[in-house]
Amino acid sequence: MLGVRSLHGLWLRWNRRASARRSAGDWTRDCVVIHGLGVGIEQTARFLSVERSFEEFEAWIVGLNGGTLERERIDRINAALSGEAYAAQTRQRHAEIETMPAVLDATDLADWQEHGYVVLREAIPPDACAATVEAICRHIDIDAGDPSTWPARRHCQGIMVQLFQHAALEVARRSSRIHKACAQLWGHADLIATNDRCGFNPPENAAFRFPGPHLHWDAEPTPPIGFGVQGILYLTDTGPDQGAFCCVPGFHREFDEWLRALPAGCNPYDRIPHEAAIPIPGHAGDMVLWHHGLPHGSSPNRTARPRFVQYLTMFPARIGASSARSAT
C-alpha cells in the first residue's frame, strides 16, 4: 500500500458501489490527496465511475506517475492532512517562495482587489510554452500549423483537452514565479498545484461553432462565496478576439449581496450580466489569475489561429487555511 492518509476513505466515497457519506471537509481533503498525487479530479471521477478495488485504484495512481511515486510527495500529503510538521525539503521550498521577490507589484494587487483578476506576465518562458503546445498537438493528433488537421482532433471535450500528465505540464506546476504569485494572493506559500487539463480553441468556421464554456462559476453560487483563486496560462499569443478568457471585473465584491437579492427560486446563471464581460488578452507565457467569484468563461475564436492554454491554479494544503482570505 502507498500509505497515503485518507486515500482509502476517498476511494470509499468516490467508488460507485460504496455508500460512505461525505463530511464538510471531505472535498477539501480529497482535493489535497488527488492533486497532491499528481492526478486530475475528472480523471479520478471517471476511473471510479465503474467498480474498482482499492488495489486497482492505487496501481492506477502509480501508473499515471510513470510507475513510481516520490516518498516526499506522500509525506507532504500526510503532513498536510494531519497538521504535523513538514519534512525539511518541503519547508525549504516554502521558505524559498516566501523570501523571493514579489512578482505582483502594488498596482497588480490593487487591481486584484478592485477587479478580481490580475495578469502575471511571463509566468513561464517561451520554450516551455512551445513544448507544451507540442505535447497538446501530439496528444490530440493535429498539426498546429495545418488547419485541415484541426477538425479530427482526438481526446477533446469541446475545447477541453484531456491531457493531465506530461512532463511539459510540470514546468508551470513547479514554477516558482507562479507559486509566488499565488502565495501573494493567498497570503502564504503552503499551496498545492492543481493537475488540471489543457485547452485547444480553434477558429470558428462553417463546420465548427464555439461550444463554450460560456460565463459560469466553478464555485457553488451560494453566499458566502469566500475566497478562491483560479488560473489559465496562455501558451500562445492570444488576442481579445482569439477565444480569449473573459470575465466580469469586480463582480466578486458584490457577489454575496447580488445572490441574496435574487428572487426566490431564480437560477443565478440566468442573471449573469453577460454585457459586462470583457476579454483578457495575453502573450505566450502570461497567466490570468482570477477570484472564483467572477463569472468567467472562454469566447469564440474569430481569428485564423487556434488558442492553446493550460489550466492551473494553487490552493492551500492545510485544511481550514482557505479561510485566510476574505472575498475581497
Protein backbone atom coordinates (compact mmCIF):
# COMPACT_ATOMS: atom_id res chain seq x y z
CA MET A 1 0.00 0.00 0.00
CA LEU A 2 1.11 3.55 -0.68
CA GLY A 3 0.36 4.73 2.83
CA VAL A 4 -1.44 7.89 1.77
CA ARG A 5 -3.63 9.24 4.55
CA SER A 6 -7.36 9.49 3.63
CA LEU A 7 -6.86 7.73 0.27
CA HIS A 8 -8.91 4.70 1.32
CA GLY A 9 -11.72 6.94 2.56
CA LEU A 10 -11.64 8.81 -0.75
CA TRP A 11 -11.94 5.52 -2.62
CA LEU A 12 -14.95 4.58 -0.50
CA ARG A 13 -16.68 7.91 -1.13
CA TRP A 14 -15.98 8.02 -4.87
CA ASN A 15 -16.42 4.35 -5.73
CA ARG A 16 -19.85 3.81 -7.28
CA ARG A 17 -20.54 0.70 -5.19
CA ALA A 18 -19.87 2.49 -1.89
CA SER A 19 -22.37 4.32 0.28
CA ALA A 20 -20.00 6.27 2.55
CA ARG A 21 -21.19 9.77 3.36
CA ARG A 22 -19.12 12.89 2.83
CA SER A 23 -18.46 15.30 5.67
CA ALA A 24 -17.96 19.04 5.22
CA GLY A 25 -14.17 18.70 4.99
CA ASP A 26 -14.07 15.65 2.75
CA TRP A 27 -13.98 17.61 -0.51
CA THR A 28 -11.03 19.70 0.65
CA ARG A 29 -9.16 16.60 1.84
CA ASP A 30 -9.93 14.81 -1.41
CA CYS A 31 -8.53 17.72 -3.44
CA VAL A 32 -5.33 17.71 -1.37
CA VAL A 33 -4.91 13.96 -1.91
CA ILE A 34 -5.83 13.84 -5.61
CA HIS A 35 -3.81 16.84 -6.75
CA GLY A 36 -1.02 16.02 -4.33
CA LEU A 37 -0.70 12.63 -6.02
CA GLY A 38 -0.43 14.19 -9.47
CA VAL A 39 -3.88 13.11 -10.63
CA GLY A 40 -6.81 15.10 -12.01
CA ILE A 41 -10.20 15.38 -10.33
CA GLU A 42 -12.01 14.43 -13.53
CA GLN A 43 -9.65 11.52 -14.11
CA THR A 44 -10.40 10.16 -10.65
CA ALA A 45 -14.14 10.52 -11.06
CA ARG A 46 -14.04 8.68 -14.38
CA PHE A 47 -11.83 5.87 -13.11
CA LEU A 48 -14.03 5.24 -10.08
CA SER A 49 -17.26 5.54 -12.05
CA VAL A 50 -17.03 1.78 -12.51
CA GLU A 51 -16.32 -0.76 -9.79
CA ARG A 52 -12.64 -0.81 -8.85
CA SER A 53 -10.81 -2.38 -5.96
CA PHE A 54 -8.64 -0.21 -3.73
CA GLU A 55 -5.59 -2.09 -5.00
CA GLU A 56 -6.56 -1.25 -8.58
CA PHE A 57 -7.01 2.39 -7.60
CA GLU A 58 -3.55 2.63 -6.04
CA ALA A 59 -1.94 0.85 -9.00
CA TRP A 60 -3.68 3.26 -11.39
CA ILE A 61 -2.30 6.27 -9.49
CA VAL A 62 1.22 4.86 -9.59
CA GLY A 63 0.86 4.16 -13.31
CA LEU A 64 -0.15 7.75 -14.02
CA ASN A 65 3.04 8.82 -12.22
CA GLY A 66 5.24 6.78 -14.53
CA GLY A 67 5.44 3.72 -12.27
CA THR A 68 6.90 5.40 -9.20
CA LEU A 69 5.65 7.81 -6.56
CA GLU A 70 8.08 10.03 -4.67
CA ARG A 71 8.14 9.45 -0.92
CA GLU A 72 8.38 13.21 -0.36
CA ARG A 73 5.08 13.69 -2.16
CA ILE A 74 3.31 11.15 0.04
CA ASP A 75 4.87 12.58 3.20
CA ARG A 76 3.74 16.06 2.28
CA ILE A 77 0.13 14.95 1.78
CA ASN A 78 0.12 13.10 5.08
CA ALA A 79 1.60 16.05 6.96
CA ALA A 80 -0.86 18.49 5.36
CA LEU A 81 -3.84 16.35 6.39
CA SER A 82 -2.59 15.56 9.89
CA GLY A 83 -1.27 19.01 10.78
CA GLU A 84 2.15 17.56 11.53
CA ALA A 85 5.38 19.32 10.62
CA TYR A 86 6.55 19.08 7.02
CA ALA A 87 9.80 17.40 6.04
CA ALA A 88 12.87 19.59 5.53
CA GLN A 89 12.56 19.59 1.72
CA THR A 90 9.02 20.94 1.84
CA ARG A 91 9.87 23.55 4.48
CA GLN A 92 12.81 24.71 2.38
CA ARG A 93 10.59 25.11 -0.69
CA HIS A 94 8.09 27.20 1.27
CA ALA A 95 10.89 29.37 2.66
CA GLU A 96 12.29 29.96 -0.83
CA ILE A 97 8.92 31.14 -2.10
CA GLU A 98 8.26 33.32 0.95
CA THR A 99 11.61 35.11 0.63
CA MET A 100 11.80 35.52 -3.17
CA PRO A 101 10.99 38.99 -4.56
CA ALA A 102 7.35 39.76 -5.24
CA VAL A 103 6.14 39.04 -8.76
CA LEU A 104 2.91 41.04 -8.34
CA ASP A 105 3.55 44.71 -7.53
CA ALA A 106 1.33 47.15 -5.64
CA THR A 107 -0.58 48.07 -8.80
CA ASP A 108 -1.23 44.39 -9.57
CA LEU A 109 -2.53 43.76 -6.07
CA ALA A 110 -4.72 46.88 -6.17
CA ASP A 111 -6.17 45.67 -9.48
CA TRP A 112 -6.82 42.29 -7.88
CA GLN A 113 -8.77 43.90 -5.06
CA GLU A 114 -10.74 46.15 -7.41
CA HIS A 115 -11.29 43.95 -10.45
CA GLY A 116 -10.80 40.44 -9.10
CA TYR A 117 -8.18 39.39 -11.64
CA VAL A 118 -4.54 40.01 -12.44
CA VAL A 119 -2.23 39.02 -15.31
CA LEU A 120 1.10 37.50 -14.30
CA ARG A 121 3.42 38.36 -17.18
CA GLU A 122 5.99 35.79 -18.37
CA ALA A 123 4.85 33.15 -15.90
CA ILE A 124 6.83 30.53 -17.83
CA PRO A 125 9.45 31.00 -20.61
CA PRO A 126 8.69 30.77 -24.35
CA ASP A 127 10.44 27.41 -24.81
CA ALA A 128 8.25 25.88 -22.09
CA CYS A 129 5.14 27.23 -23.85
CA ALA A 130 6.29 25.75 -27.16
CA ALA A 131 6.97 22.37 -25.55
CA THR A 132 3.50 22.30 -24.00
CA VAL A 133 1.85 23.23 -27.29
CA GLU A 134 3.77 20.39 -28.96
CA ALA A 135 2.61 17.97 -26.25
CA ILE A 136 -1.00 19.03 -26.77
CA CYS A 137 -0.74 18.67 -30.55
CA ARG A 138 0.72 15.18 -30.22
CA HIS A 139 -1.99 14.19 -27.76
CA ILE A 140 -4.89 15.35 -29.95
CA ASP A 141 -3.09 14.34 -33.18
CA ILE A 142 -3.05 17.66 -35.02
CA ASP A 143 -0.55 19.98 -36.66
CA ALA A 144 -0.80 23.46 -35.14
CA GLY A 145 0.13 25.00 -38.49
CA ASP A 146 -2.26 22.94 -40.63
CA PRO A 147 -5.95 23.88 -40.23
CA SER A 148 -7.01 20.79 -42.17
CA THR A 149 -5.97 18.61 -39.22
CA TRP A 150 -7.89 20.53 -36.55
CA PRO A 151 -11.40 19.06 -37.06
CA ALA A 152 -10.16 15.49 -36.48
CA ARG A 153 -8.67 16.28 -33.06
CA ARG A 154 -8.83 13.44 -30.51
CA HIS A 155 -9.11 13.34 -26.72
CA CYS A 156 -11.13 16.56 -26.57
CA GLN A 157 -14.35 17.55 -24.84
CA GLY A 158 -15.40 20.68 -26.67
CA ILE A 159 -12.37 22.97 -26.33
CA MET A 160 -11.01 20.99 -23.36
CA VAL A 161 -8.04 18.69 -23.99
CA GLN A 162 -7.95 15.59 -21.77
CA LEU A 163 -4.23 15.78 -21.12
CA PHE A 164 -3.36 15.72 -17.42
CA GLN A 165 0.06 14.05 -17.14
CA HIS A 166 3.03 15.15 -19.24
CA ALA A 167 6.50 16.42 -18.38
CA ALA A 168 5.80 19.66 -20.27
CA LEU A 169 2.86 20.47 -17.98
CA GLU A 170 5.06 20.14 -14.90
CA VAL A 171 7.07 23.24 -15.81
CA ALA A 172 4.15 25.51 -14.92
CA ARG A 173 3.05 23.38 -11.96
CA ARG A 174 6.54 23.66 -10.45
CA SER A 175 7.12 27.29 -11.46
CA SER A 176 8.44 29.44 -8.61
CA ARG A 177 7.05 32.53 -10.33
CA ILE A 178 3.50 31.11 -10.42
CA HIS A 179 3.87 29.78 -6.87
CA LYS A 180 4.96 33.23 -5.65
CA ALA A 181 2.03 34.97 -7.35
CA CYS A 182 -0.45 32.57 -5.77
CA ALA A 183 1.31 32.90 -2.41
CA GLN A 184 0.91 36.67 -2.59
CA LEU A 185 -2.81 36.28 -3.20
CA TRP A 186 -3.36 33.61 -0.55
CA GLY A 187 -1.02 35.16 1.99
CA HIS A 188 1.23 32.09 2.42
CA ALA A 189 3.27 29.61 0.39
CA ASP A 190 1.84 26.31 1.67
CA LEU A 191 -0.01 25.64 -1.57
CA ILE A 192 -0.62 22.67 -3.86
CA ALA A 193 -0.73 22.97 -7.66
CA THR A 194 -3.73 21.50 -9.43
CA ASN A 195 -3.35 18.74 -12.01
CA ASP A 196 -5.81 20.17 -14.48
CA ARG A 197 -6.17 19.69 -18.22
CA CYS A 198 -5.36 21.87 -21.24
CA GLY A 199 -7.37 23.69 -23.88
CA PHE A 200 -7.50 23.97 -27.67
CA ASN A 201 -9.92 26.55 -29.03
CA PRO A 202 -9.84 26.54 -32.87
CA PRO A 203 -11.27 29.31 -35.04
CA GLU A 204 -14.96 29.23 -35.79
CA ASN A 205 -15.98 28.26 -39.32
CA ALA A 206 -18.93 26.72 -41.15
CA ALA A 207 -18.27 23.34 -39.54
CA PHE A 208 -17.35 24.47 -36.04
CA ARG A 209 -19.06 26.81 -33.62
CA PHE A 210 -17.70 27.69 -30.20
CA PRO A 211 -19.33 25.23 -27.75
CA GLY A 212 -18.50 27.05 -24.53
CA PRO A 213 -17.92 27.12 -21.66
CA HIS A 214 -19.71 30.45 -21.58
CA LEU A 215 -19.84 32.63 -18.45
CA HIS A 216 -20.16 30.48 -15.35
CA TRP A 217 -18.76 29.83 -11.88
CA ASP A 218 -16.78 26.79 -10.83
CA ALA A 219 -17.63 27.55 -7.20
CA GLU A 220 -21.14 26.88 -5.93
CA PRO A 221 -23.08 30.17 -6.42
CA THR A 222 -24.35 30.43 -2.86
CA PRO A 223 -23.37 33.04 -0.26
CA PRO A 224 -20.89 33.49 1.24
CA ILE A 225 -18.69 32.86 -1.79
CA GLY A 226 -15.47 33.08 0.25
CA PHE A 227 -12.02 33.27 -1.28
CA GLY A 228 -10.62 31.17 -4.12
CA VAL A 229 -8.10 31.63 -6.93
CA GLN A 230 -8.31 30.15 -10.42
CA GLY A 231 -5.92 30.42 -13.33
CA ILE A 232 -5.38 29.98 -17.04
CA LEU A 233 -1.98 30.03 -18.74
CA TYR A 234 -1.73 31.26 -22.34
CA LEU A 235 0.66 29.07 -24.33
CA THR A 236 0.47 31.19 -27.49
CA ASP A 237 -0.12 34.90 -28.07
CA THR A 238 -3.87 35.35 -27.64
CA GLY A 239 -5.72 38.43 -28.81
CA PRO A 240 -9.09 39.59 -27.47
CA ASP A 241 -10.95 38.00 -30.41
CA GLN A 242 -8.93 34.77 -30.39
CA GLY A 243 -11.05 32.85 -27.90
CA ALA A 244 -9.60 34.83 -25.00
CA PHE A 245 -10.57 34.27 -21.38
CA CYS A 246 -13.45 36.56 -20.40
CA CYS A 247 -14.76 37.68 -17.02
CA VAL A 248 -16.97 40.27 -15.33
CA PRO A 249 -14.50 42.54 -13.47
CA GLY A 250 -15.30 43.45 -9.89
CA PHE A 251 -18.20 41.04 -9.53
CA HIS A 252 -16.53 39.29 -6.57
CA ARG A 253 -17.10 42.39 -4.45
CA GLU A 254 -20.87 42.33 -4.90
CA PHE A 255 -21.45 38.60 -5.41
CA ASP A 256 -22.93 37.80 -1.99
CA GLU A 257 -25.35 40.76 -1.98
CA TRP A 258 -26.26 40.07 -5.60
CA LEU A 259 -27.10 36.45 -4.79
CA ARG A 260 -29.19 37.38 -1.75
CA ALA A 261 -31.16 39.91 -3.81
CA LEU A 262 -32.21 37.37 -6.45
CA PRO A 263 -35.91 36.40 -6.43
CA ALA A 264 -36.72 33.13 -4.67
CA GLY A 265 -36.19 30.15 -6.96
CA CYS A 266 -34.21 32.17 -9.51
CA ASN A 267 -31.31 30.42 -11.25
CA PRO A 268 -28.21 32.65 -10.79
CA TYR A 269 -26.94 31.59 -14.21
CA ASP A 270 -29.98 33.22 -15.82
CA ARG A 271 -28.99 36.58 -14.33
CA ILE A 272 -25.26 36.70 -15.15
CA PRO A 273 -24.53 40.18 -16.61
CA HIS A 274 -23.05 39.00 -19.91
CA GLU A 275 -22.90 42.54 -21.23
CA ALA A 276 -20.34 43.45 -18.56
CA ALA A 277 -17.85 40.71 -19.50
CA ILE A 278 -14.54 41.69 -21.09
CA PRO A 279 -11.83 39.61 -22.81
CA ILE A 280 -8.38 39.44 -21.22
CA PRO A 281 -5.71 39.06 -23.93
CA GLY A 282 -2.14 37.96 -23.26
CA HIS A 283 1.16 36.83 -24.70
CA ALA A 284 2.53 33.31 -24.66
CA GLY A 285 3.57 32.58 -21.08
CA ASP A 286 1.18 35.08 -19.48
CA MET A 287 -1.16 33.73 -16.81
CA VAL A 288 -4.54 35.15 -15.81
CA LEU A 289 -5.41 34.63 -12.15
CA TRP A 290 -8.94 35.44 -11.04
CA HIS A 291 -11.14 35.38 -7.96
CA HIS A 292 -13.53 32.44 -8.21
CA GLY A 293 -16.47 34.76 -7.58
CA LEU A 294 -16.11 36.29 -11.06
CA PRO A 295 -18.41 34.95 -13.79
CA HIS A 296 -15.91 33.73 -16.37
CA GLY A 297 -15.52 31.63 -19.48
CA SER A 298 -13.85 31.33 -22.84
CA SER A 299 -15.07 33.05 -26.00
CA PRO A 300 -15.50 32.34 -29.72
CA ASN A 301 -12.27 32.39 -31.72
CA ARG A 302 -12.78 34.70 -34.69
CA THR A 303 -9.20 34.71 -35.96
CA ALA A 304 -7.27 32.28 -38.14
CA ARG A 305 -5.10 30.94 -35.29
CA PRO A 306 -6.08 28.48 -32.54
CA ARG A 307 -5.81 29.26 -28.83
CA PHE A 308 -3.72 26.90 -26.68
CA VAL A 309 -3.89 27.09 -22.87
CA GLN A 310 -3.06 25.16 -19.72
CA TYR A 311 -5.47 25.35 -16.78
CA LEU A 312 -3.70 25.69 -13.45
CA THR A 313 -4.00 27.19 -10.02
CA MET A 314 -2.73 26.60 -6.50
CA PHE A 315 -4.72 26.16 -3.29
CA PRO A 316 -3.93 25.76 0.44
CA ALA A 317 -2.65 22.37 1.53
CA ARG A 318 -3.77 22.67 5.16
CA ILE A 319 -7.43 22.07 5.98
CA GLY A 320 -9.02 25.36 7.05
CA ALA A 321 -6.31 27.54 5.50
CA SER A 322 -8.68 28.57 2.68
CA SER A 323 -10.43 30.90 5.11
CA ALA A 324 -7.30 33.03 5.46
CA ARG A 325 -8.57 35.49 2.85
CA SER A 326 -11.91 37.23 2.52
CA ALA A 327 -13.98 37.60 -0.64
CA THR A 328 -12.26 40.90 -1.41
